[in-house]
Amino acid sequence: SEALTPEIIAEWRSVLSAERVLEGDHAQKRYG
């Protein structure tokens, strides 16, 4: 996958709380 779909994000958020699932720019800034 080249991008995270809303479905994938929703699956991960069913496991982790929303603040523990980072998307796109937020993840890039934190780990890039």
PDB file of all heavy atoms in Angstrom:
ATOM      1  N   SER A   1       0.832  -1.192   0.000  1.00  0.00           N
ATOM      2  CA  SER A   1       0.000   0.000   0.000  1.00  0.00           C
ATOM      3  C   SER A   1       0.874   1.253   0.000  1.00  0.00           C
ATOM      4  O   SER A   1       1.894   1.303   0.654  1.00  0.00           O
ATOM      5  CB  SER A   1      -0.897  -0.015   1.231  1.00  0.00           C
ATOM      6  OG  SER A   1      -1.639   1.172   1.291  1.00  0.00           O
ATOM      7  N   GLU A   2       0.457   2.272  -0.761  1.00  0.00           N
ATOM      8  CA  GLU A   2       1.176   3.544  -0.791  1.00  0.00           C
ATOM      9  C   GLU A   2       0.531   4.590   0.105  1.00  0.00           C
ATOM     10  O   GLU A   2       1.087   5.638   0.342  1.00  0.00           O
ATOM     11  CB  GLU A   2       1.257   4.066  -2.233  1.00  0.00           C
ATOM     12  CG  GLU A   2       2.170   3.222  -3.108  1.00  0.00           C
ATOM     13  CD  GLU A   2       3.610   3.243  -2.635  1.00  0.00           C
ATOM     14  OE1 GLU A   2       4.131   4.305  -2.274  1.00  0.00           O
ATOM     15  OE2 GLU A   2       4.226   2.168  -2.626  1.00  0.00           O
ATOM     16  N   ALA A   3      -0.693   4.310   0.569  1.00  0.00           N
ATOM     17  CA  ALA A   3      -1.397   5.236   1.454  1.00  0.00           C
ATOM     18  C   ALA A   3      -2.307   4.435   2.371  1.00  0.00           C
ATOM     19  O   ALA A   3      -2.707   3.320   2.049  1.00  0.00           O
ATOM     20  CB  ALA A   3      -2.207   6.227   0.630  1.00  0.00           C
ATOM     21  N   LEU A   4      -2.620   5.027   3.494  1.00  0.00           N
ATOM     22  CA  LEU A   4      -3.525   4.383   4.427  1.00  0.00           C
ATOM     23  C   LEU A   4      -4.954   4.798   4.109  1.00  0.00           C
ATOM     24  O   LEU A   4      -5.266   5.987   4.067  1.00  0.00           O
ATOM     25  CB  LEU A   4      -3.169   4.781   5.866  1.00  0.00           C
ATOM     26  CG  LEU A   4      -1.778   4.366   6.326  1.00  0.00           C
ATOM     27  CD1 LEU A   4      -1.522   4.869   7.737  1.00  0.00           C
ATOM     28  CD2 LEU A   4      -1.615   2.866   6.266  1.00  0.00           C
ATOM     29  N   THR A   5      -5.794   3.835   3.876  1.00  0.00           N
ATOM     30  CA  THR A   5      -7.196   4.122   3.586  1.00  0.00           C
ATOM     31  C   THR A   5      -7.951   4.340   4.893  1.00  0.00           C
ATOM     32  O   THR A   5      -7.496   3.909   5.963  1.00  0.00           O
ATOM     33  CB  THR A   5      -7.842   2.948   2.829  1.00  0.00           C
ATOM     34  OG1 THR A   5      -7.864   1.810   3.704  1.00  0.00           O
ATOM     35  CG2 THR A   5      -7.083   2.618   1.545  1.00  0.00           C
ATOM     36  N   PRO A   6      -9.110   4.978   4.816  1.00  0.00           N
ATOM     37  CA  PRO A   6      -9.925   5.129   6.031  1.00  0.00           C
ATOM     38  C   PRO A   6     -10.269   3.779   6.669  1.00  0.00           C
ATOM     39  O   PRO A   6     -10.355   3.692   7.902  1.00  0.00           O
ATOM     40  CB  PRO A   6     -11.185   5.845   5.529  1.00  0.00           C
ATOM     41  CG  PRO A   6     -10.722   6.589   4.308  1.00  0.00           C
ATOM     42  CD  PRO A   6      -9.683   5.701   3.683  1.00  0.00           C
ATOM     43  N   GLU A   7     -10.418   2.746   5.859  1.00  0.00           N
ATOM     44  CA  GLU A   7     -10.727   1.415   6.390  1.00  0.00           C
ATOM     45  C   GLU A   7      -9.565   0.859   7.215  1.00  0.00           C
ATOM     46  O   GLU A   7      -9.784   0.273   8.288  1.00  0.00           O
ATOM     47  CB  GLU A   7     -11.077   0.445   5.247  1.00  0.00           C
ATOM     48  CG  GLU A   7     -12.353   0.772   4.506  1.00  0.00           C
ATOM     49  CD  GLU A   7     -12.207   1.914   3.484  1.00  0.00           C
ATOM     50  OE1 GLU A   7     -11.076   2.196   3.029  1.00  0.00           O
ATOM     51  OE2 GLU A   7     -13.229   2.556   3.187  1.00  0.00           O
ATOM     52  N   ILE A   8      -8.350   1.035   6.731  1.00  0.00           N
ATOM     53  CA  ILE A   8      -7.176   0.555   7.469  1.00  0.00           C
ATOM     54  C   ILE A   8      -7.033   1.328   8.774  1.00  0.00           C
ATOM     55  O   ILE A   8      -6.806   0.741   9.837  1.00  0.00           O
ATOM     56  CB  ILE A   8      -5.893   0.675   6.615  1.00  0.00           C
ATOM     57  CG1 ILE A   8      -5.982  -0.229   5.378  1.00  0.00           C
ATOM     58  CG2 ILE A   8      -4.657   0.322   7.446  1.00  0.00           C
ATOM     59  CD1 ILE A   8      -4.907   0.037   4.341  1.00  0.00           C
ATOM     60  N   ILE A   9      -7.184   2.653   8.701  1.00  0.00           N
ATOM     61  CA  ILE A   9      -7.109   3.487   9.905  1.00  0.00           C
ATOM     62  C   ILE A   9      -8.158   3.025  10.917  1.00  0.00           C
ATOM     63  O   ILE A   9      -7.860   2.874  12.112  1.00  0.00           O
ATOM     64  CB  ILE A   9      -7.318   4.983   9.562  1.00  0.00           C
ATOM     65  CG1 ILE A   9      -6.217   5.494   8.633  1.00  0.00           C
ATOM     66  CG2 ILE A   9      -7.421   5.829  10.832  1.00  0.00           C
ATOM     67  CD1 ILE A   9      -4.850   5.561   9.225  1.00  0.00           C
ATOM     68  N   ALA A  10      -9.364   2.761  10.460  1.00  0.00           N
ATOM     69  CA  ALA A  10     -10.434   2.314  11.358  1.00  0.00           C
ATOM     70  C   ALA A  10     -10.085   0.970  11.997  1.00  0.00           C
ATOM     71  O   ALA A  10     -10.340   0.756  13.190  1.00  0.00           O
ATOM     72  CB  ALA A  10     -11.750   2.219  10.595  1.00  0.00           C
ATOM     73  N   GLU A  11      -9.499   0.063  11.216  1.00  0.00           N
ATOM     74  CA  GLU A  11      -9.099  -1.237  11.782  1.00  0.00           C
ATOM     75  C   GLU A  11      -8.050  -1.054  12.872  1.00  0.00           C
ATOM     76  O   GLU A  11      -8.135  -1.676  13.932  1.00  0.00           O
ATOM     77  CB  GLU A  11      -8.554  -2.163  10.684  1.00  0.00           C
ATOM     78  CG  GLU A  11      -9.612  -2.818   9.845  1.00  0.00           C
ATOM     79  CD  GLU A  11      -9.007  -3.869   8.934  1.00  0.00           C
ATOM     80  OE1 GLU A  11      -8.576  -4.926   9.443  1.00  0.00           O
ATOM     81  OE2 GLU A  11      -8.963  -3.621   7.702  1.00  0.00           O
ATOM     82  N   TRP A  12      -7.046  -0.221  12.603  1.00  0.00           N
ATOM     83  CA  TRP A  12      -6.004   0.011  13.603  1.00  0.00           C
ATOM     84  C   TRP A  12      -6.582   0.704  14.831  1.00  0.00           C
ATOM     85  O   TRP A  12      -6.192   0.418  15.952  1.00  0.00           O
ATOM     86  CB  TRP A  12      -4.851   0.799  13.010  1.00  0.00           C
ATOM     87  CG  TRP A  12      -3.873  -0.091  12.290  1.00  0.00           C
ATOM     88  CD1 TRP A  12      -3.632  -1.411  12.547  1.00  0.00           C
ATOM     89  CD2 TRP A  12      -3.011   0.258  11.227  1.00  0.00           C
ATOM     90  NE1 TRP A  12      -2.666  -1.896  11.690  1.00  0.00           N
ATOM     91  CE2 TRP A  12      -2.263  -0.883  10.868  1.00  0.00           C
ATOM     92  CE3 TRP A  12      -2.788   1.430  10.518  1.00  0.00           C
ATOM     93  CZ2 TRP A  12      -1.315  -0.894   9.858  1.00  0.00           C
ATOM     94  CZ3 TRP A  12      -1.842   1.423   9.512  1.00  0.00           C
ATOM     95  CH2 TRP A  12      -1.121   0.271   9.192  1.00  0.00           C
ATOM     96  N   ARG A  13      -7.531   1.619  14.625  1.00  0.00           N
ATOM     97  CA  ARG A  13      -8.144   2.312  15.765  1.00  0.00           C
ATOM     98  C   ARG A  13      -9.082   1.394  16.545  1.00  0.00           C
ATOM     99  O   ARG A  13      -9.462   1.726  17.659  1.00  0.00           O
ATOM    100  CB  ARG A  13      -8.861   3.567  15.290  1.00  0.00           C
ATOM    101  CG  ARG A  13      -7.860   4.659  14.942  1.00  0.00           C
ATOM    102  CD  ARG A  13      -8.518   5.961  14.635  1.00  0.00           C
ATOM    103  NE  ARG A  13      -7.479   6.971  14.403  1.00  0.00           N
ATOM    104  CZ  ARG A  13      -7.670   8.066  13.725  1.00  0.00           C
ATOM    105  NH1 ARG A  13      -8.862   8.350  13.226  1.00  0.00           N
ATOM    106  NH2 ARG A  13      -6.680   8.927  13.548  1.00  0.00           N
ATOM    107  N   SER A  14      -9.443   0.261  15.976  1.00  0.00           N
ATOM    108  CA  SER A  14     -10.209  -0.717  16.761  1.00  0.00           C
ATOM    109  C   SER A  14      -9.295  -1.455  17.738  1.00  0.00           C
ATOM    110  O   SER A  14      -9.756  -2.069  18.685  1.00  0.00           O
ATOM    111  CB  SER A  14     -10.930  -1.713  15.841  1.00  0.00           C
ATOM    112  OG  SER A  14     -10.006  -2.624  15.260  1.00  0.00           O
ATOM    113  N   VAL A  15      -7.986  -1.354  17.500  1.00  0.00           N
ATOM    114  CA  VAL A  15      -6.990  -1.982  18.377  1.00  0.00           C
ATOM    115  C   VAL A  15      -6.368  -0.946  19.310  1.00  0.00           C
ATOM    116  O   VAL A  15      -6.177  -1.198  20.502  1.00  0.00           O
ATOM    117  CB  VAL A  15      -5.877  -2.661  17.542  1.00  0.00           C
ATOM    118  CG1 VAL A  15      -4.791  -3.236  18.430  1.00  0.00           C
ATOM    119  CG2 VAL A  15      -6.462  -3.724  16.620  1.00  0.00           C
ATOM    120  N   LEU A  16      -6.020   0.220  18.770  1.00  0.00           N
ATOM    121  CA  LEU A  16      -5.353   1.291  19.527  1.00  0.00           C
ATOM    122  C   LEU A  16      -6.274   2.500  19.630  1.00  0.00           C
ATOM    123  O   LEU A  16      -7.106   2.730  18.760  1.00  0.00           O
ATOM    124  CB  LEU A  16      -4.073   1.738  18.805  1.00  0.00           C
ATOM    125  CG  LEU A  16      -3.010   0.700  18.501  1.00  0.00           C
ATOM    126  CD1 LEU A  16      -1.868   1.351  17.736  1.00  0.00           C
ATOM    127  CD2 LEU A  16      -2.509   0.057  19.773  1.00  0.00           C
ATOM    128  N   SER A  17      -6.086   3.306  20.649  1.00  0.00           N
ATOM    129  CA  SER A  17      -6.829   4.559  20.743  1.00  0.00           C
ATOM    130  C   SER A  17      -6.379   5.483  19.615  1.00  0.00           C
ATOM    131  O   SER A  17      -5.284   5.345  19.070  1.00  0.00           O
ATOM    132  CB  SER A  17      -6.607   5.208  22.104  1.00  0.00           C
ATOM    133  OG  SER A  17      -5.230   5.440  22.313  1.00  0.00           O
ATOM    134  N   ALA A  18      -7.222   6.437  19.266  1.00  0.00           N
ATOM    135  CA  ALA A  18      -6.970   7.314  18.117  1.00  0.00           C
ATOM    136  C   ALA A  18      -5.624   8.028  18.198  1.00  0.00           C
ATOM    137  O   ALA A  18      -4.930   8.165  17.188  1.00  0.00           O
ATOM    138  CB  ALA A  18      -8.106   8.339  17.987  1.00  0.00           C
ATOM    139  N   GLU A  19      -5.210   8.467  19.412  1.00  0.00           N
ATOM    140  CA  GLU A  19      -3.940   9.205  19.517  1.00  0.00           C
ATOM    141  C   GLU A  19      -2.720   8.313  19.336  1.00  0.00           C
ATOM    142  O   GLU A  19      -1.607   8.801  19.197  1.00  0.00           O
ATOM    143  CB  GLU A  19      -3.847   9.977  20.843  1.00  0.00           C
ATOM    144  CG  GLU A  19      -3.689   9.126  22.077  1.00  0.00           C
ATOM    145  CD  GLU A  19      -5.010   8.636  22.681  1.00  0.00           C
ATOM    146  OE1 GLU A  19      -6.081   8.964  22.148  1.00  0.00           O
ATOM    147  OE2 GLU A  19      -4.938   7.913  23.687  1.00  0.00           O
ATOM    148  N   ARG A  20      -2.918   6.992  19.303  1.00  0.00           N
ATOM    149  CA  ARG A  20      -1.791   6.068  19.087  1.00  0.00           C
ATOM    150  C   ARG A  20      -1.738   5.549  17.652  1.00  0.00           C
ATOM    151  O   ARG A  20      -0.962   4.659  17.332  1.00  0.00           O
ATOM    152  CB  ARG A  20      -1.851   4.917  20.082  1.00  0.00           C
ATOM    153  CG  ARG A  20      -1.612   5.419  21.515  1.00  0.00           C
ATOM    154  CD  ARG A  20      -1.365   4.314  22.496  1.00  0.00           C
ATOM    155  NE  ARG A  20      -2.545   3.506  22.753  1.00  0.00           N
ATOM    156  CZ  ARG A  20      -2.524   2.177  22.882  1.00  0.00           C
ATOM    157  NH1 ARG A  20      -1.399   1.509  22.798  1.00  0.00           N
ATOM    158  NH2 ARG A  20      -3.638   1.523  23.120  1.00  0.00           N
ATOM    159  N   VAL A  21      -2.557   6.126  16.765  1.00  0.00           N
ATOM    160  CA  VAL A  21      -2.510   5.832  15.333  1.00  0.00           C
ATOM    161  C   VAL A  21      -2.214   7.149  14.621  1.00  0.00           C
ATOM    162  O   VAL A  21      -3.037   8.056  14.612  1.00  0.00           O
ATOM    163  CB  VAL A  21      -3.844   5.239  14.812  1.00  0.00           C
ATOM    164  CG1 VAL A  21      -3.772   5.006  13.305  1.00  0.00           C
ATOM    165  CG2 VAL A  21      -4.183   3.946  15.543  1.00  0.00           C
ATOM    166  N   LEU A  22      -1.013   7.277  14.082  1.00  0.00           N
ATOM    167  CA  LEU A  22      -0.583   8.521  13.435  1.00  0.00           C
ATOM    168  C   LEU A  22      -0.697   8.377  11.929  1.00  0.00           C
ATOM    169  O   LEU A  22      -0.299   7.363  11.361  1.00  0.00           O
ATOM    170  CB  LEU A  22       0.861   8.840  13.815  1.00  0.00           C
ATOM    171  CG  LEU A  22       1.194   8.820  15.310  1.00  0.00           C
ATOM    172  CD1 LEU A  22       2.666   9.125  15.518  1.00  0.00           C
ATOM    173  CD2 LEU A  22       0.320   9.783  16.075  1.00  0.00           C
ATOM    174  N   GLU A  23      -1.206   9.419  11.294  1.00  0.00           N
ATOM    175  CA  GLU A  23      -1.373   9.398   9.852  1.00  0.00           C
ATOM    176  C   GLU A  23      -0.383  10.329   9.176  1.00  0.00           C
ATOM    177  O   GLU A  23       0.137  11.249   9.796  1.00  0.00           O
ATOM    178  CB  GLU A  23      -2.797   9.812   9.489  1.00  0.00           C
ATOM    179  CG  GLU A  23      -3.858   8.880  10.045  1.00  0.00           C
ATOM    180  CD  GLU A  23      -5.250   9.345   9.698  1.00  0.00           C
ATOM    181  OE1 GLU A  23      -5.522   9.540   8.497  1.00  0.00           O
ATOM    182  OE2 GLU A  23      -6.059   9.524  10.624  1.00  0.00           O
ATOM    183  N   GLY A  24      -0.132  10.082   7.893  1.00  0.00           N
ATOM    184  CA  GLY A  24       0.627  10.914   6.969  1.00  0.00           C
ATOM    185  C   GLY A  24       1.609  11.902   7.547  1.00  0.00           C
ATOM    186  O   GLY A  24       2.677  11.543   8.043  1.00  0.00           O
ATOM    187  N   ASP A  25       1.263  13.201   7.436  1.00  0.00           N
ATOM    188  CA  ASP A  25       2.180  14.278   7.830  1.00  0.00           C
ATOM    189  C   ASP A  25       2.573  14.209   9.299  1.00  0.00           C
ATOM    190  O   ASP A  25       3.707  14.523   9.655  1.00  0.00           O
ATOM    191  CB  ASP A  25       1.559  15.648   7.531  1.00  0.00           C
ATOM    192  CG  ASP A  25       1.452  15.925   6.042  1.00  0.00           C
ATOM    193  OD1 ASP A  25       2.164  15.265   5.260  1.00  0.00           O
ATOM    194  OD2 ASP A  25       0.651  16.802   5.668  1.00  0.00           O
ATOM    195  N   HIS A  26       1.634  13.815  10.149  1.00  0.00           N
ATOM    196  CA  HIS A  26       1.939  13.719  11.586  1.00  0.00           C
ATOM    197  C   HIS A  26       3.024  12.665  11.816  1.00  0.00           C
ATOM    198  O   HIS A  26       3.990  12.906  12.554  1.00  0.00           O
ATOM    199  CB  HIS A  26       0.668  13.375  12.364  1.00  0.00           C
ATOM    200  CG  HIS A  26       0.829  13.467  13.841  1.00  0.00           C
ATOM    201  ND1 HIS A  26       0.143  14.364  14.610  1.00  0.00           N
ATOM    202  CD2 HIS A  26       1.618  12.787  14.694  1.00  0.00           C
ATOM    203  CE1 HIS A  26       0.499  14.224  15.871  1.00  0.00           C
ATOM    204  NE2 HIS A  26       1.391  13.270  15.953  1.00  0.00           N
ATOM    205  N   ALA A  27       2.890  11.509  11.174  1.00  0.00           N
ATOM    206  CA  ALA A  27       3.900  10.448  11.298  1.00  0.00           C
ATOM    207  C   ALA A  27       5.222  10.885  10.674  1.00  0.00           C
ATOM    208  O   ALA A  27       6.295  10.634  11.228  1.00  0.00           O
ATOM    209  CB  ALA A  27       3.395   9.159  10.656  1.00  0.00           C
ATOM    210  N   GLN A  28       5.149  11.531   9.521  1.00  0.00           N
ATOM    211  CA  GLN A  28       6.365  11.992   8.842  1.00  0.00           C
ATOM    212  C   GLN A  28       7.136  12.963   9.723  1.00  0.00           C
ATOM    213  O   GLN A  28       8.359  12.862   9.855  1.00  0.00           O
ATOM    214  CB  GLN A  28       6.012  12.658   7.510  1.00  0.00           C
ATOM    215  CG  GLN A  28       7.221  13.056   6.685  1.00  0.00           C
ATOM    216  CD  GLN A  28       7.971  11.857   6.130  1.00  0.00           C
ATOM    217  OE1 GLN A  28       7.368  10.928   5.607  1.00  0.00           O
ATOM    218  NE2 GLN A  28       9.282  11.867   6.238  1.00  0.00           N
ATOM    219  N   LYS A  29       6.426  13.882  10.354  1.00  0.00           N
ATOM    220  CA  LYS A  29       7.082  14.872  11.208  1.00  0.00           C
ATOM    221  C   LYS A  29       7.722  14.209  12.424  1.00  0.00           C
ATOM    222  O   LYS A  29       8.828  14.556  12.822  1.00  0.00           O
ATOM    223  CB  LYS A  29       6.070  15.931  11.654  1.00  0.00           C
ATOM    224  CG  LYS A  29       6.673  17.056  12.435  1.00  0.00           C
ATOM    225  CD  LYS A  29       5.647  18.132  12.728  1.00  0.00           C
ATOM    226  CE  LYS A  29       6.306  19.278  13.488  1.00  0.00           C
ATOM    227  NZ  LYS A  29       5.374  20.356  13.762  1.00  0.00           N
ATOM    228  N   ARG A  30       7.022  13.242  12.998  1.00  0.00           N
ATOM    229  CA  ARG A  30       7.530  12.593  14.217  1.00  0.00           C
ATOM    230  C   ARG A  30       8.712  11.670  13.940  1.00  0.00           C
ATOM    231  O   ARG A  30       9.643  11.597  14.733  1.00  0.00           O
ATOM    232  CB  ARG A  30       6.404  11.813  14.881  1.00  0.00           C
ATOM    233  CG  ARG A  30       6.821  11.150  16.173  1.00  0.00           C
ATOM    234  CD  ARG A  30       5.640  10.714  16.967  1.00  0.00           C
ATOM    235  NE  ARG A  30       6.055  10.079  18.200  1.00  0.00           N
ATOM    236  CZ  ARG A  30       5.252   9.894  19.220  1.00  0.00           C
ATOM    237  NH1 ARG A  30       4.012  10.313  19.174  1.00  0.00           N
ATOM    238  NH2 ARG A  30       5.685   9.297  20.305  1.00  0.00           N
ATOM    239  N   TYR A  31       8.683  10.933  12.819  1.00  0.00           N
ATOM    240  CA  TYR A  31       9.694   9.896  12.578  1.00  0.00           C
ATOM    241  C   TYR A  31      10.585  10.152  11.368  1.00  0.00           C
ATOM    242  O   TYR A  31      11.494   9.375  11.101  1.00  0.00           O
ATOM    243  CB  TYR A  31       9.007   8.535  12.395  1.00  0.00           C
ATOM    244  CG  TYR A  31       8.163   8.127  13.564  1.00  0.00           C
ATOM    245  CD1 TYR A  31       6.777   8.069  13.464  1.00  0.00           C
ATOM    246  CD2 TYR A  31       8.747   7.806  14.780  1.00  0.00           C
ATOM    247  CE1 TYR A  31       5.997   7.690  14.548  1.00  0.00           C
ATOM    248  CE2 TYR A  31       7.980   7.429  15.869  1.00  0.00           C
ATOM    249  CZ  TYR A  31       6.600   7.374  15.746  1.00  0.00           C
ATOM    250  OH  TYR A  31       5.841   7.005  16.820  1.00  0.00           O
ATOM    251  N   GLY A  32      10.368  11.204  10.619  1.00  0.00           N
ATOM    252  CA  GLY A  32      11.052  11.406   9.351  1.00  0.00           C
ATOM    253  C   GLY A  32      12.464  11.943   9.410  1.00  0.00           C
ATOM    254  O   GLY A  32      13.198  11.844   8.441  1.00  0.00           O
TER     255      GLY A  32
END
